[in-house]
Amino acid sequence: MATKVHLAQQPEADELLGRSPLAALVGMLLDQQFPMERAFAGPYVIMQRAGWDDLDAHEIAAYDPERFEALMAEPPVVHRYPRSMGKRVQQLCQYLVEHYEGDAEAIWRDAPNGRELFKRLNALPGYGKQKAQIFTALLGKQYGVTPEGWREAAGAYGEEGSYRSVADITGPESLEKVRAFKKEMKAAAKAKD
């Protein structure tokens, strides 16, 4: 899968995201009520704090929950809600161990089409429709995972040339465009209320 991404805007964290399917899944999980680039740097921070050379779903799933939550909560925190997100990261890894033998890439490696890829992502703990669509778009736009119908399965996030989500971040300039789009959407939603 090794690819060059700029999601965390930190070379070491982005290198991990580019080579580790699990890191990409965990980064997407953490991308909620927290700055995008810090969320995607989270897998690297977890790996460093645990003293691992790589992320492994089996290790995370089996890690003592209290120690894992403490690792997430150590300043600077891995997420705004370190304890609850620590639980979610472990739940995600437990699901991967149970359903995919711990192999995160197995989710998309043999997906016959975009609809099935979306369905598999949507079934992950901590993922929902929007997160599954965004990750489908991220896989297609940046990781070369393009089963037939992936753009349709990604919804608006699959649109070419858009700046809606992390799927469209290829550097600092596009990060700012995505932030501007999100700010616009929040303002529009507020105006409706």
N, C-alpha and C. Protein backbone atom coordinates (compact mmCIF):
# COMPACT_ATOMS: atom_id res chain seq x y z
N MET A 1 0.82 -1.20 0.00
CA MET A 1 0.00 0.00 0.00
C MET A 1 0.86 1.25 0.00
N ALA A 2 2.12 1.21 0.36
CA ALA A 2 2.96 2.39 0.56
C ALA A 2 2.69 3.49 -0.46
N THR A 3 2.28 4.63 0.06
CA THR A 3 1.99 5.78 -0.78
C THR A 3 2.40 7.03 -0.01
N LYS A 4 2.55 8.14 -0.70
CA LYS A 4 2.95 9.38 -0.05
C LYS A 4 1.70 10.19 0.24
N VAL A 5 1.47 10.47 1.53
CA VAL A 5 0.33 11.28 1.94
C VAL A 5 0.81 12.44 2.80
N HIS A 6 -0.06 13.42 2.96
CA HIS A 6 0.25 14.61 3.76
C HIS A 6 -0.91 14.91 4.69
N LEU A 7 -1.45 13.90 5.32
CA LEU A 7 -2.63 14.05 6.15
C LEU A 7 -2.32 14.64 7.51
N ALA A 8 -1.20 14.23 8.10
CA ALA A 8 -0.82 14.71 9.43
C ALA A 8 0.04 15.96 9.34
N GLN A 9 0.57 16.23 8.16
CA GLN A 9 1.46 17.37 7.95
C GLN A 9 2.73 17.25 8.78
N GLN A 10 3.11 16.01 9.11
CA GLN A 10 4.35 15.69 9.83
C GLN A 10 4.99 14.52 9.10
N PRO A 11 6.24 14.65 8.65
CA PRO A 11 6.85 13.59 7.83
C PRO A 11 6.78 12.18 8.43
N GLU A 12 7.12 12.01 9.71
CA GLU A 12 7.14 10.66 10.29
C GLU A 12 5.73 10.08 10.38
N ALA A 13 4.79 10.91 10.80
CA ALA A 13 3.40 10.45 10.92
C ALA A 13 2.83 10.14 9.54
N ASP A 14 3.13 10.98 8.55
CA ASP A 14 2.62 10.74 7.20
C ASP A 14 3.26 9.50 6.57
N GLU A 15 4.52 9.24 6.89
CA GLU A 15 5.19 8.04 6.39
C GLU A 15 4.48 6.80 6.92
N LEU A 16 4.13 6.81 8.22
CA LEU A 16 3.39 5.69 8.81
C LEU A 16 2.03 5.53 8.14
N LEU A 17 1.32 6.63 7.95
CA LEU A 17 0.00 6.58 7.31
C LEU A 17 0.09 6.06 5.88
N GLY A 18 1.19 6.35 5.22
CA GLY A 18 1.38 5.91 3.84
C GLY A 18 1.69 4.43 3.69
N ARG A 19 2.22 3.81 4.76
CA ARG A 19 2.59 2.39 4.66
C ARG A 19 1.74 1.47 5.52
N SER A 20 0.97 2.02 6.46
CA SER A 20 0.21 1.17 7.39
C SER A 20 -1.29 1.37 7.22
N PRO A 21 -1.98 0.38 6.65
CA PRO A 21 -3.43 0.48 6.53
C PRO A 21 -4.10 0.69 7.90
N LEU A 22 -3.56 0.05 8.95
CA LEU A 22 -4.13 0.21 10.28
C LEU A 22 -3.99 1.65 10.75
N ALA A 23 -2.85 2.27 10.52
CA ALA A 23 -2.65 3.66 10.92
C ALA A 23 -3.67 4.57 10.23
N ALA A 24 -3.90 4.33 8.94
CA ALA A 24 -4.87 5.14 8.20
C ALA A 24 -6.27 4.97 8.79
N LEU A 25 -6.65 3.73 9.10
CA LEU A 25 -7.98 3.49 9.70
C LEU A 25 -8.11 4.15 11.06
N VAL A 26 -7.06 4.06 11.89
CA VAL A 26 -7.09 4.67 13.22
C VAL A 26 -7.12 6.19 13.10
N GLY A 27 -6.34 6.75 12.19
CA GLY A 27 -6.36 8.19 11.98
C GLY A 27 -7.75 8.68 11.61
N MET A 28 -8.41 7.94 10.72
CA MET A 28 -9.78 8.31 10.32
C MET A 28 -10.73 8.21 11.50
N LEU A 29 -10.55 7.19 12.31
CA LEU A 29 -11.38 7.03 13.50
C LEU A 29 -11.23 8.25 14.43
N LEU A 30 -9.99 8.70 14.61
CA LEU A 30 -9.71 9.82 15.51
C LEU A 30 -10.14 11.18 14.94
N ASP A 31 -10.43 11.22 13.64
CA ASP A 31 -10.80 12.47 12.98
C ASP A 31 -12.25 12.83 13.29
N GLN A 32 -12.43 13.37 14.49
CA GLN A 32 -13.77 13.74 14.94
C GLN A 32 -13.61 14.69 16.12
N GLN A 33 -14.17 15.87 16.00
CA GLN A 33 -14.10 16.89 17.04
C GLN A 33 -12.66 17.15 17.48
N PHE A 34 -11.76 17.16 16.50
CA PHE A 34 -10.34 17.33 16.76
C PHE A 34 -9.70 17.77 15.44
N PRO A 35 -8.67 18.60 15.47
CA PRO A 35 -8.04 19.02 14.20
C PRO A 35 -7.59 17.81 13.38
N MET A 36 -7.90 17.85 12.08
CA MET A 36 -7.64 16.72 11.19
C MET A 36 -6.19 16.25 11.25
N GLU A 37 -5.25 17.18 11.15
CA GLU A 37 -3.86 16.76 11.10
C GLU A 37 -3.40 16.15 12.43
N ARG A 38 -3.94 16.60 13.54
CA ARG A 38 -3.59 15.99 14.83
C ARG A 38 -4.21 14.60 14.95
N ALA A 39 -5.43 14.44 14.43
CA ALA A 39 -6.08 13.13 14.44
C ALA A 39 -5.24 12.12 13.65
N PHE A 40 -4.77 12.52 12.49
CA PHE A 40 -4.00 11.61 11.65
C PHE A 40 -2.56 11.42 12.14
N ALA A 41 -2.10 12.31 13.01
CA ALA A 41 -0.80 12.11 13.66
C ALA A 41 -0.94 11.13 14.83
N GLY A 42 -2.17 10.93 15.30
CA GLY A 42 -2.44 10.07 16.45
C GLY A 42 -1.84 8.68 16.38
N PRO A 43 -1.97 7.96 15.25
CA PRO A 43 -1.40 6.61 15.19
C PRO A 43 0.11 6.61 15.44
N TYR A 44 0.82 7.62 14.93
CA TYR A 44 2.26 7.71 15.14
C TYR A 44 2.57 7.96 16.61
N VAL A 45 1.79 8.84 17.23
CA VAL A 45 1.99 9.14 18.65
C VAL A 45 1.75 7.88 19.48
N ILE A 46 0.69 7.15 19.18
CA ILE A 46 0.39 5.90 19.89
C ILE A 46 1.57 4.94 19.76
N MET A 47 2.06 4.77 18.54
CA MET A 47 3.17 3.85 18.28
C MET A 47 4.41 4.26 19.08
N GLN A 48 4.73 5.53 19.07
CA GLN A 48 5.91 6.04 19.79
C GLN A 48 5.77 5.82 21.29
N ARG A 49 4.62 6.18 21.84
CA ARG A 49 4.42 6.08 23.28
C ARG A 49 4.43 4.63 23.77
N ALA A 50 3.93 3.73 22.94
CA ALA A 50 3.90 2.32 23.31
C ALA A 50 5.27 1.65 23.11
N GLY A 51 6.16 2.34 22.39
CA GLY A 51 7.48 1.79 22.14
C GLY A 51 7.51 0.73 21.04
N TRP A 52 6.55 0.79 20.12
CA TRP A 52 6.47 -0.16 19.02
C TRP A 52 7.19 0.37 17.79
N ASP A 53 7.57 -0.55 16.90
CA ASP A 53 8.17 -0.17 15.62
C ASP A 53 7.10 0.03 14.56
N ASP A 54 5.92 -0.50 14.82
CA ASP A 54 4.81 -0.41 13.87
C ASP A 54 3.52 -0.60 14.66
N LEU A 55 2.40 -0.33 14.02
CA LEU A 55 1.11 -0.58 14.67
C LEU A 55 0.65 -1.99 14.32
N ASP A 56 0.10 -2.67 15.30
CA ASP A 56 -0.39 -4.02 15.10
C ASP A 56 -1.74 -4.15 15.79
N ALA A 57 -2.76 -4.55 15.05
CA ALA A 57 -4.11 -4.66 15.60
C ALA A 57 -4.16 -5.65 16.76
N HIS A 58 -3.40 -6.74 16.68
CA HIS A 58 -3.39 -7.74 17.77
C HIS A 58 -2.85 -7.12 19.05
N GLU A 59 -1.75 -6.36 18.93
CA GLU A 59 -1.14 -5.73 20.12
C GLU A 59 -2.08 -4.71 20.75
N ILE A 60 -2.69 -3.88 19.91
CA ILE A 60 -3.59 -2.84 20.44
C ILE A 60 -4.82 -3.49 21.07
N ALA A 61 -5.38 -4.49 20.41
CA ALA A 61 -6.57 -5.18 20.93
C ALA A 61 -6.30 -5.81 22.29
N ALA A 62 -5.10 -6.35 22.47
CA ALA A 62 -4.75 -7.06 23.70
C ALA A 62 -4.17 -6.15 24.79
N TYR A 63 -3.89 -4.91 24.44
CA TYR A 63 -3.26 -3.97 25.39
C TYR A 63 -4.18 -3.74 26.59
N ASP A 64 -3.62 -3.64 27.76
CA ASP A 64 -4.42 -3.37 28.96
C ASP A 64 -5.22 -2.09 28.75
N PRO A 65 -6.56 -2.14 28.84
CA PRO A 65 -7.39 -0.97 28.54
C PRO A 65 -7.05 0.27 29.36
N GLU A 66 -6.79 0.10 30.64
CA GLU A 66 -6.46 1.26 31.47
C GLU A 66 -5.13 1.88 31.06
N ARG A 67 -4.17 1.04 30.76
CA ARG A 67 -2.86 1.55 30.31
C ARG A 67 -2.99 2.22 28.94
N PHE A 68 -3.84 1.66 28.08
CA PHE A 68 -4.02 2.26 26.75
C PHE A 68 -4.69 3.63 26.87
N GLU A 69 -5.69 3.73 27.72
CA GLU A 69 -6.35 5.03 27.94
C GLU A 69 -5.36 6.04 28.52
N ALA A 70 -4.51 5.60 29.44
CA ALA A 70 -3.50 6.49 30.02
C ALA A 70 -2.51 6.95 28.95
N LEU A 71 -2.13 6.05 28.06
CA LEU A 71 -1.24 6.38 26.95
C LEU A 71 -1.89 7.46 26.06
N MET A 72 -3.18 7.32 25.81
CA MET A 72 -3.91 8.29 24.98
C MET A 72 -4.04 9.64 25.68
N ALA A 73 -4.12 9.63 27.02
CA ALA A 73 -4.37 10.84 27.79
C ALA A 73 -3.10 11.60 28.17
N GLU A 74 -1.94 10.95 27.98
CA GLU A 74 -0.67 11.59 28.32
C GLU A 74 -0.50 12.88 27.50
N PRO A 75 -0.12 14.00 28.16
CA PRO A 75 0.04 15.25 27.41
C PRO A 75 1.22 15.18 26.43
N PRO A 76 1.09 15.75 25.25
CA PRO A 76 -0.17 16.25 24.70
C PRO A 76 -1.08 15.09 24.31
N VAL A 77 -2.35 15.23 24.63
CA VAL A 77 -3.31 14.16 24.41
C VAL A 77 -3.38 13.75 22.94
N VAL A 78 -3.67 12.48 22.72
CA VAL A 78 -3.79 11.95 21.36
C VAL A 78 -5.11 12.41 20.73
N HIS A 79 -6.09 12.71 21.57
CA HIS A 79 -7.39 13.19 21.10
C HIS A 79 -8.03 14.03 22.18
N ARG A 80 -8.94 14.87 21.78
CA ARG A 80 -9.67 15.72 22.72
C ARG A 80 -10.35 14.90 23.82
N TYR A 81 -10.85 13.72 23.45
CA TYR A 81 -11.48 12.80 24.39
C TYR A 81 -10.62 11.53 24.44
N PRO A 82 -9.48 11.60 25.10
CA PRO A 82 -8.51 10.51 25.01
C PRO A 82 -9.00 9.17 25.54
N ARG A 83 -9.76 9.17 26.61
CA ARG A 83 -10.18 7.89 27.20
C ARG A 83 -11.24 7.20 26.33
N SER A 84 -12.25 7.94 25.93
CA SER A 84 -13.29 7.31 25.10
C SER A 84 -12.74 6.92 23.72
N MET A 85 -11.84 7.75 23.17
CA MET A 85 -11.28 7.40 21.87
C MET A 85 -10.28 6.24 22.00
N GLY A 86 -9.64 6.13 23.16
CA GLY A 86 -8.78 4.98 23.41
C GLY A 86 -9.60 3.69 23.36
N LYS A 87 -10.77 3.72 23.96
CA LYS A 87 -11.67 2.55 23.93
C LYS A 87 -12.07 2.24 22.48
N ARG A 88 -12.37 3.29 21.72
CA ARG A 88 -12.80 3.08 20.33
C ARG A 88 -11.68 2.49 19.48
N VAL A 89 -10.46 2.98 19.70
CA VAL A 89 -9.32 2.44 18.94
C VAL A 89 -9.16 0.95 19.26
N GLN A 90 -9.28 0.59 20.53
CA GLN A 90 -9.17 -0.83 20.89
C GLN A 90 -10.33 -1.65 20.32
N GLN A 91 -11.54 -1.10 20.33
CA GLN A 91 -12.69 -1.80 19.75
C GLN A 91 -12.49 -2.03 18.25
N LEU A 92 -11.96 -1.02 17.58
CA LEU A 92 -11.68 -1.16 16.15
C LEU A 92 -10.68 -2.29 15.92
N CYS A 93 -9.61 -2.31 16.70
CA CYS A 93 -8.59 -3.34 16.54
C CYS A 93 -9.12 -4.72 16.91
N GLN A 94 -9.97 -4.80 17.93
CA GLN A 94 -10.58 -6.08 18.28
C GLN A 94 -11.45 -6.59 17.14
N TYR A 95 -12.19 -5.69 16.51
CA TYR A 95 -13.02 -6.06 15.36
C TYR A 95 -12.15 -6.57 14.21
N LEU A 96 -11.04 -5.87 13.96
CA LEU A 96 -10.13 -6.29 12.88
C LEU A 96 -9.55 -7.67 13.16
N VAL A 97 -9.20 -7.93 14.41
CA VAL A 97 -8.66 -9.24 14.78
C VAL A 97 -9.74 -10.32 14.58
N GLU A 98 -10.94 -10.02 15.03
CA GLU A 98 -12.04 -10.99 14.95
C GLU A 98 -12.51 -11.26 13.52
N HIS A 99 -12.58 -10.22 12.70
CA HIS A 99 -13.16 -10.36 11.35
C HIS A 99 -12.15 -10.43 10.21
N TYR A 100 -10.94 -9.90 10.43
CA TYR A 100 -9.95 -9.83 9.35
C TYR A 100 -8.58 -10.34 9.78
N GLU A 101 -8.52 -11.14 10.85
CA GLU A 101 -7.27 -11.68 11.37
C GLU A 101 -6.24 -10.58 11.65
N GLY A 102 -6.73 -9.38 11.97
CA GLY A 102 -5.86 -8.26 12.30
C GLY A 102 -5.29 -7.53 11.09
N ASP A 103 -5.67 -7.94 9.90
CA ASP A 103 -5.14 -7.36 8.66
C ASP A 103 -6.07 -6.26 8.15
N ALA A 104 -5.77 -5.02 8.48
CA ALA A 104 -6.63 -3.90 8.10
C ALA A 104 -6.83 -3.79 6.59
N GLU A 105 -5.78 -4.06 5.84
CA GLU A 105 -5.87 -3.92 4.38
C GLU A 105 -6.84 -4.93 3.77
N ALA A 106 -7.13 -6.02 4.49
CA ALA A 106 -8.06 -7.03 3.99
C ALA A 106 -9.45 -6.45 3.77
N ILE A 107 -9.75 -5.34 4.44
CA ILE A 107 -11.06 -4.69 4.26
C ILE A 107 -11.25 -4.29 2.80
N TRP A 108 -10.20 -3.78 2.18
CA TRP A 108 -10.36 -3.31 0.80
C TRP A 108 -9.59 -4.13 -0.23
N ARG A 109 -8.68 -4.98 0.19
CA ARG A 109 -7.84 -5.71 -0.76
C ARG A 109 -8.66 -6.45 -1.82
N ASP A 110 -9.72 -7.12 -1.38
CA ASP A 110 -10.51 -7.92 -2.33
C ASP A 110 -11.94 -7.40 -2.49
N ALA A 111 -12.17 -6.14 -2.12
CA ALA A 111 -13.53 -5.60 -2.27
C ALA A 111 -13.89 -5.59 -3.76
N PRO A 112 -14.96 -6.28 -4.15
CA PRO A 112 -15.31 -6.39 -5.56
C PRO A 112 -15.83 -5.09 -6.18
N ASN A 113 -16.36 -4.21 -5.33
CA ASN A 113 -16.89 -2.94 -5.85
C ASN A 113 -16.97 -1.91 -4.72
N GLY A 114 -17.25 -0.68 -5.10
CA GLY A 114 -17.32 0.40 -4.13
C GLY A 114 -18.40 0.20 -3.09
N ARG A 115 -19.51 -0.36 -3.49
CA ARG A 115 -20.62 -0.59 -2.56
C ARG A 115 -20.20 -1.53 -1.43
N GLU A 116 -19.50 -2.60 -1.78
CA GLU A 116 -19.02 -3.56 -0.78
C GLU A 116 -17.93 -2.95 0.10
N LEU A 117 -17.06 -2.17 -0.50
CA LEU A 117 -16.02 -1.48 0.27
C LEU A 117 -16.67 -0.57 1.31
N PHE A 118 -17.63 0.23 0.88
CA PHE A 118 -18.34 1.12 1.80
C PHE A 118 -19.02 0.32 2.91
N LYS A 119 -19.66 -0.78 2.54
CA LYS A 119 -20.37 -1.62 3.51
C LYS A 119 -19.40 -2.15 4.58
N ARG A 120 -18.23 -2.59 4.16
CA ARG A 120 -17.22 -3.11 5.10
C ARG A 120 -16.73 -2.00 6.03
N LEU A 121 -16.48 -0.83 5.48
CA LEU A 121 -16.01 0.30 6.31
C LEU A 121 -17.10 0.76 7.26
N ASN A 122 -18.32 0.81 6.78
CA ASN A 122 -19.45 1.26 7.59
C ASN A 122 -19.70 0.32 8.77
N ALA A 123 -19.28 -0.93 8.66
CA ALA A 123 -19.47 -1.91 9.73
C ALA A 123 -18.43 -1.77 10.85
N LEU A 124 -17.37 -1.00 10.61
CA LEU A 124 -16.31 -0.86 11.61
C LEU A 124 -16.79 -0.09 12.83
N PRO A 125 -16.38 -0.51 14.03
CA PRO A 125 -16.72 0.25 15.24
C PRO A 125 -16.15 1.67 15.14
N GLY A 126 -16.98 2.64 15.49
CA GLY A 126 -16.54 4.03 15.45
C GLY A 126 -16.70 4.68 14.09
N TYR A 127 -17.08 3.91 13.09
CA TYR A 127 -17.32 4.45 11.75
C TYR A 127 -18.83 4.51 11.56
N GLY A 128 -19.27 5.42 10.77
CA GLY A 128 -20.67 5.53 10.40
C GLY A 128 -20.69 5.82 8.91
N LYS A 129 -21.84 6.21 8.41
CA LYS A 129 -21.98 6.45 6.97
C LYS A 129 -20.99 7.49 6.46
N GLN A 130 -20.95 8.65 7.11
CA GLN A 130 -20.08 9.73 6.62
C GLN A 130 -18.60 9.35 6.68
N LYS A 131 -18.17 8.78 7.79
CA LYS A 131 -16.76 8.39 7.95
C LYS A 131 -16.40 7.31 6.92
N ALA A 132 -17.32 6.37 6.68
CA ALA A 132 -17.07 5.31 5.69
C ALA A 132 -16.99 5.90 4.28
N GLN A 133 -17.83 6.89 3.99
CA GLN A 133 -17.76 7.53 2.67
C GLN A 133 -16.45 8.30 2.51
N ILE A 134 -16.06 9.03 3.54
CA ILE A 134 -14.81 9.80 3.47
C ILE A 134 -13.61 8.85 3.30
N PHE A 135 -13.60 7.75 4.05
CA PHE A 135 -12.48 6.83 3.93
C PHE A 135 -12.47 6.14 2.57
N THR A 136 -13.64 5.84 2.02
CA THR A 136 -13.72 5.29 0.67
C THR A 136 -13.10 6.27 -0.32
N ALA A 137 -13.43 7.56 -0.16
CA ALA A 137 -12.86 8.60 -1.02
C ALA A 137 -11.35 8.71 -0.82
N LEU A 138 -10.91 8.66 0.42
CA LEU A 138 -9.47 8.73 0.72
C LEU A 138 -8.73 7.58 0.04
N LEU A 139 -9.26 6.37 0.16
CA LEU A 139 -8.63 5.22 -0.48
C LEU A 139 -8.55 5.41 -1.99
N GLY A 140 -9.63 5.89 -2.59
CA GLY A 140 -9.65 6.06 -4.04
C GLY A 140 -8.78 7.20 -4.53
N LYS A 141 -8.83 8.31 -3.83
CA LYS A 141 -8.11 9.50 -4.28
C LYS A 141 -6.61 9.45 -3.98
N GLN A 142 -6.23 8.81 -2.87
CA GLN A 142 -4.82 8.89 -2.48
C GLN A 142 -4.10 7.56 -2.36
N TYR A 143 -4.82 6.45 -2.17
CA TYR A 143 -4.15 5.17 -1.98
C TYR A 143 -4.29 4.23 -3.19
N GLY A 144 -4.95 4.69 -4.24
CA GLY A 144 -5.07 3.87 -5.44
C GLY A 144 -6.02 2.68 -5.31
N VAL A 145 -6.91 2.73 -4.30
CA VAL A 145 -7.89 1.65 -4.11
C VAL A 145 -9.17 2.11 -4.81
N THR A 146 -9.36 1.60 -6.03
CA THR A 146 -10.44 2.12 -6.87
C THR A 146 -11.32 1.00 -7.46
N PRO A 147 -11.98 0.23 -6.60
CA PRO A 147 -12.88 -0.78 -7.17
C PRO A 147 -14.01 -0.07 -7.92
N GLU A 148 -14.59 -0.75 -8.85
CA GLU A 148 -15.68 -0.18 -9.64
C GLU A 148 -16.75 0.42 -8.72
N GLY A 149 -17.14 1.66 -9.01
CA GLY A 149 -18.20 2.32 -8.25
C GLY A 149 -17.74 2.97 -6.96
N TRP A 150 -16.43 3.12 -6.76
CA TRP A 150 -15.96 3.71 -5.50
C TRP A 150 -16.40 5.16 -5.34
N ARG A 151 -16.39 5.93 -6.43
CA ARG A 151 -16.79 7.34 -6.33
C ARG A 151 -18.26 7.47 -5.91
N GLU A 152 -19.10 6.64 -6.48
CA GLU A 152 -20.52 6.66 -6.13
C GLU A 152 -20.70 6.27 -4.66
N ALA A 153 -19.95 5.26 -4.22
CA ALA A 153 -20.05 4.80 -2.84
C ALA A 153 -19.57 5.89 -1.87
N ALA A 154 -18.63 6.71 -2.31
CA ALA A 154 -18.08 7.78 -1.47
C ALA A 154 -19.01 9.00 -1.45
N GLY A 155 -20.03 9.01 -2.27
CA GLY A 155 -20.95 10.15 -2.32
C GLY A 155 -20.22 11.41 -2.78
N ALA A 156 -20.60 12.55 -2.24
CA ALA A 156 -20.00 13.82 -2.65
C ALA A 156 -18.50 13.86 -2.35
N TYR A 157 -18.05 13.06 -1.38
CA TYR A 157 -16.62 13.04 -1.03
C TYR A 157 -15.76 12.45 -2.15
N GLY A 158 -16.38 11.70 -3.06
CA GLY A 158 -15.66 11.10 -4.17
C GLY A 158 -15.51 12.02 -5.37
N GLU A 159 -16.17 13.17 -5.33
CA GLU A 159 -16.10 14.10 -6.47
C GLU A 159 -14.67 14.53 -6.74
N GLU A 160 -14.34 14.53 -8.02
CA GLU A 160 -13.01 14.97 -8.43
C GLU A 160 -12.90 16.48 -8.26
N GLY A 161 -11.75 16.94 -7.78
CA GLY A 161 -11.50 18.37 -7.65
C GLY A 161 -12.20 19.04 -6.48
N SER A 162 -12.80 18.26 -5.59
CA SER A 162 -13.47 18.86 -4.43
C SER A 162 -12.49 19.03 -3.28
N TYR A 163 -12.88 19.85 -2.32
CA TYR A 163 -12.09 20.05 -1.10
C TYR A 163 -13.02 19.93 0.10
N ARG A 164 -13.63 18.75 0.24
CA ARG A 164 -14.64 18.52 1.27
C ARG A 164 -14.10 17.86 2.53
N SER A 165 -13.04 17.06 2.39
CA SER A 165 -12.63 16.21 3.52
C SER A 165 -11.14 15.91 3.46
N VAL A 166 -10.72 15.11 4.41
CA VAL A 166 -9.34 14.67 4.49
C VAL A 166 -8.92 13.94 3.21
N ALA A 167 -9.86 13.38 2.49
CA ALA A 167 -9.56 12.69 1.24
C ALA A 167 -8.93 13.63 0.21
N ASP A 168 -9.15 14.93 0.39
CA ASP A 168 -8.67 15.93 -0.56
C ASP A 168 -7.41 16.65 -0.11
N ILE A 169 -6.85 16.26 1.04
CA ILE A 169 -5.68 16.95 1.58
C ILE A 169 -4.41 16.34 1.02
N THR A 170 -3.69 17.16 0.25
CA THR A 170 -2.42 16.71 -0.33
C THR A 170 -1.27 17.61 0.11
N GLY A 171 -1.56 18.57 0.95
CA GLY A 171 -0.53 19.49 1.45
C GLY A 171 -1.18 20.63 2.21
N PRO A 172 -0.38 21.58 2.69
CA PRO A 172 -0.91 22.69 3.50
C PRO A 172 -1.98 23.53 2.79
N GLU A 173 -1.80 23.76 1.49
CA GLU A 173 -2.76 24.58 0.74
C GLU A 173 -4.13 23.91 0.67
N SER A 174 -4.14 22.61 0.35
CA SER A 174 -5.42 21.90 0.27
C SER A 174 -6.04 21.73 1.66
N LEU A 175 -5.21 21.63 2.69
CA LEU A 175 -5.73 21.56 4.07
C LEU A 175 -6.53 22.83 4.37
N GLU A 176 -6.00 23.97 3.97
CA GLU A 176 -6.71 25.24 4.19
C GLU A 176 -8.01 25.30 3.40
N LYS A 177 -8.01 24.77 2.18
CA LYS A 177 -9.23 24.74 1.37
C LYS A 177 -10.30 23.86 2.01
N VAL A 178 -9.88 22.72 2.55
CA VAL A 178 -10.83 21.82 3.23
C VAL A 178 -11.37 22.50 4.48
N ARG A 179 -10.49 23.15 5.24
CA ARG A 179 -10.94 23.88 6.44
C ARG A 179 -11.95 24.96 6.07
N ALA A 180 -11.70 25.69 5.00
CA ALA A 180 -12.61 26.75 4.56
C ALA A 180 -13.97 26.15 4.18
N PHE A 181 -13.95 25.01 3.49
CA PHE A 181 -15.20 24.35 3.11
C PHE A 181 -15.99 23.94 4.35
N LYS A 182 -15.30 23.33 5.33
CA LYS A 182 -15.98 22.89 6.56
C LYS A 182 -16.56 24.08 7.32
N LYS A 183 -15.83 25.17 7.35
CA LYS A 183 -16.29 26.38 8.03
C LYS A 183 -17.56 26.91 7.34
N GLU A 184 -17.55 26.89 6.04
CA GLU A 184 -18.71 27.32 5.23
C GLU A 184 -19.92 26.45 5.54
N MET A 185 -19.72 25.13 5.61
CA MET A 185 -20.81 24.20 5.89
C MET A 185 -21.39 24.42 7.28
N LYS A 186 -20.51 24.67 8.26
CA LYS A 186 -20.98 24.94 9.62
C LYS A 186 -21.80 26.22 9.68
N ALA A 187 -21.33 27.24 8.97
CA ALA A 187 -22.05 28.52 8.94
C ALA A 187 -23.42 28.35 8.29
N ALA A 188 -23.47 27.59 7.20
CA ALA A 188 -24.73 27.34 6.50
C ALA A 188 -25.71 26.56 7.40
N ALA A 189 -25.17 25.58 8.14
CA ALA A 189 -26.02 24.79 9.05
C ALA A 189 -26.54 25.66 10.18
N LYS A 190 -25.70 26.55 10.68
CA LYS A 190 -26.11 27.45 11.76
C LYS A 190 -27.19 28.41 11.29
N ALA A 191 -27.06 28.88 10.05
CA ALA A 191 -28.03 29.82 9.48
C ALA A 191 -29.39 29.17 9.34
N LYS A 192 -29.44 27.87 9.13
CA LYS A 192 -30.69 27.13 9.01
C LYS A 192 -31.43 27.03 10.34
N ASP A 193 -30.66 26.96 11.44
CA ASP A 193 -31.25 26.79 12.78
C ASP A 193 -32.04 27.97 13.24
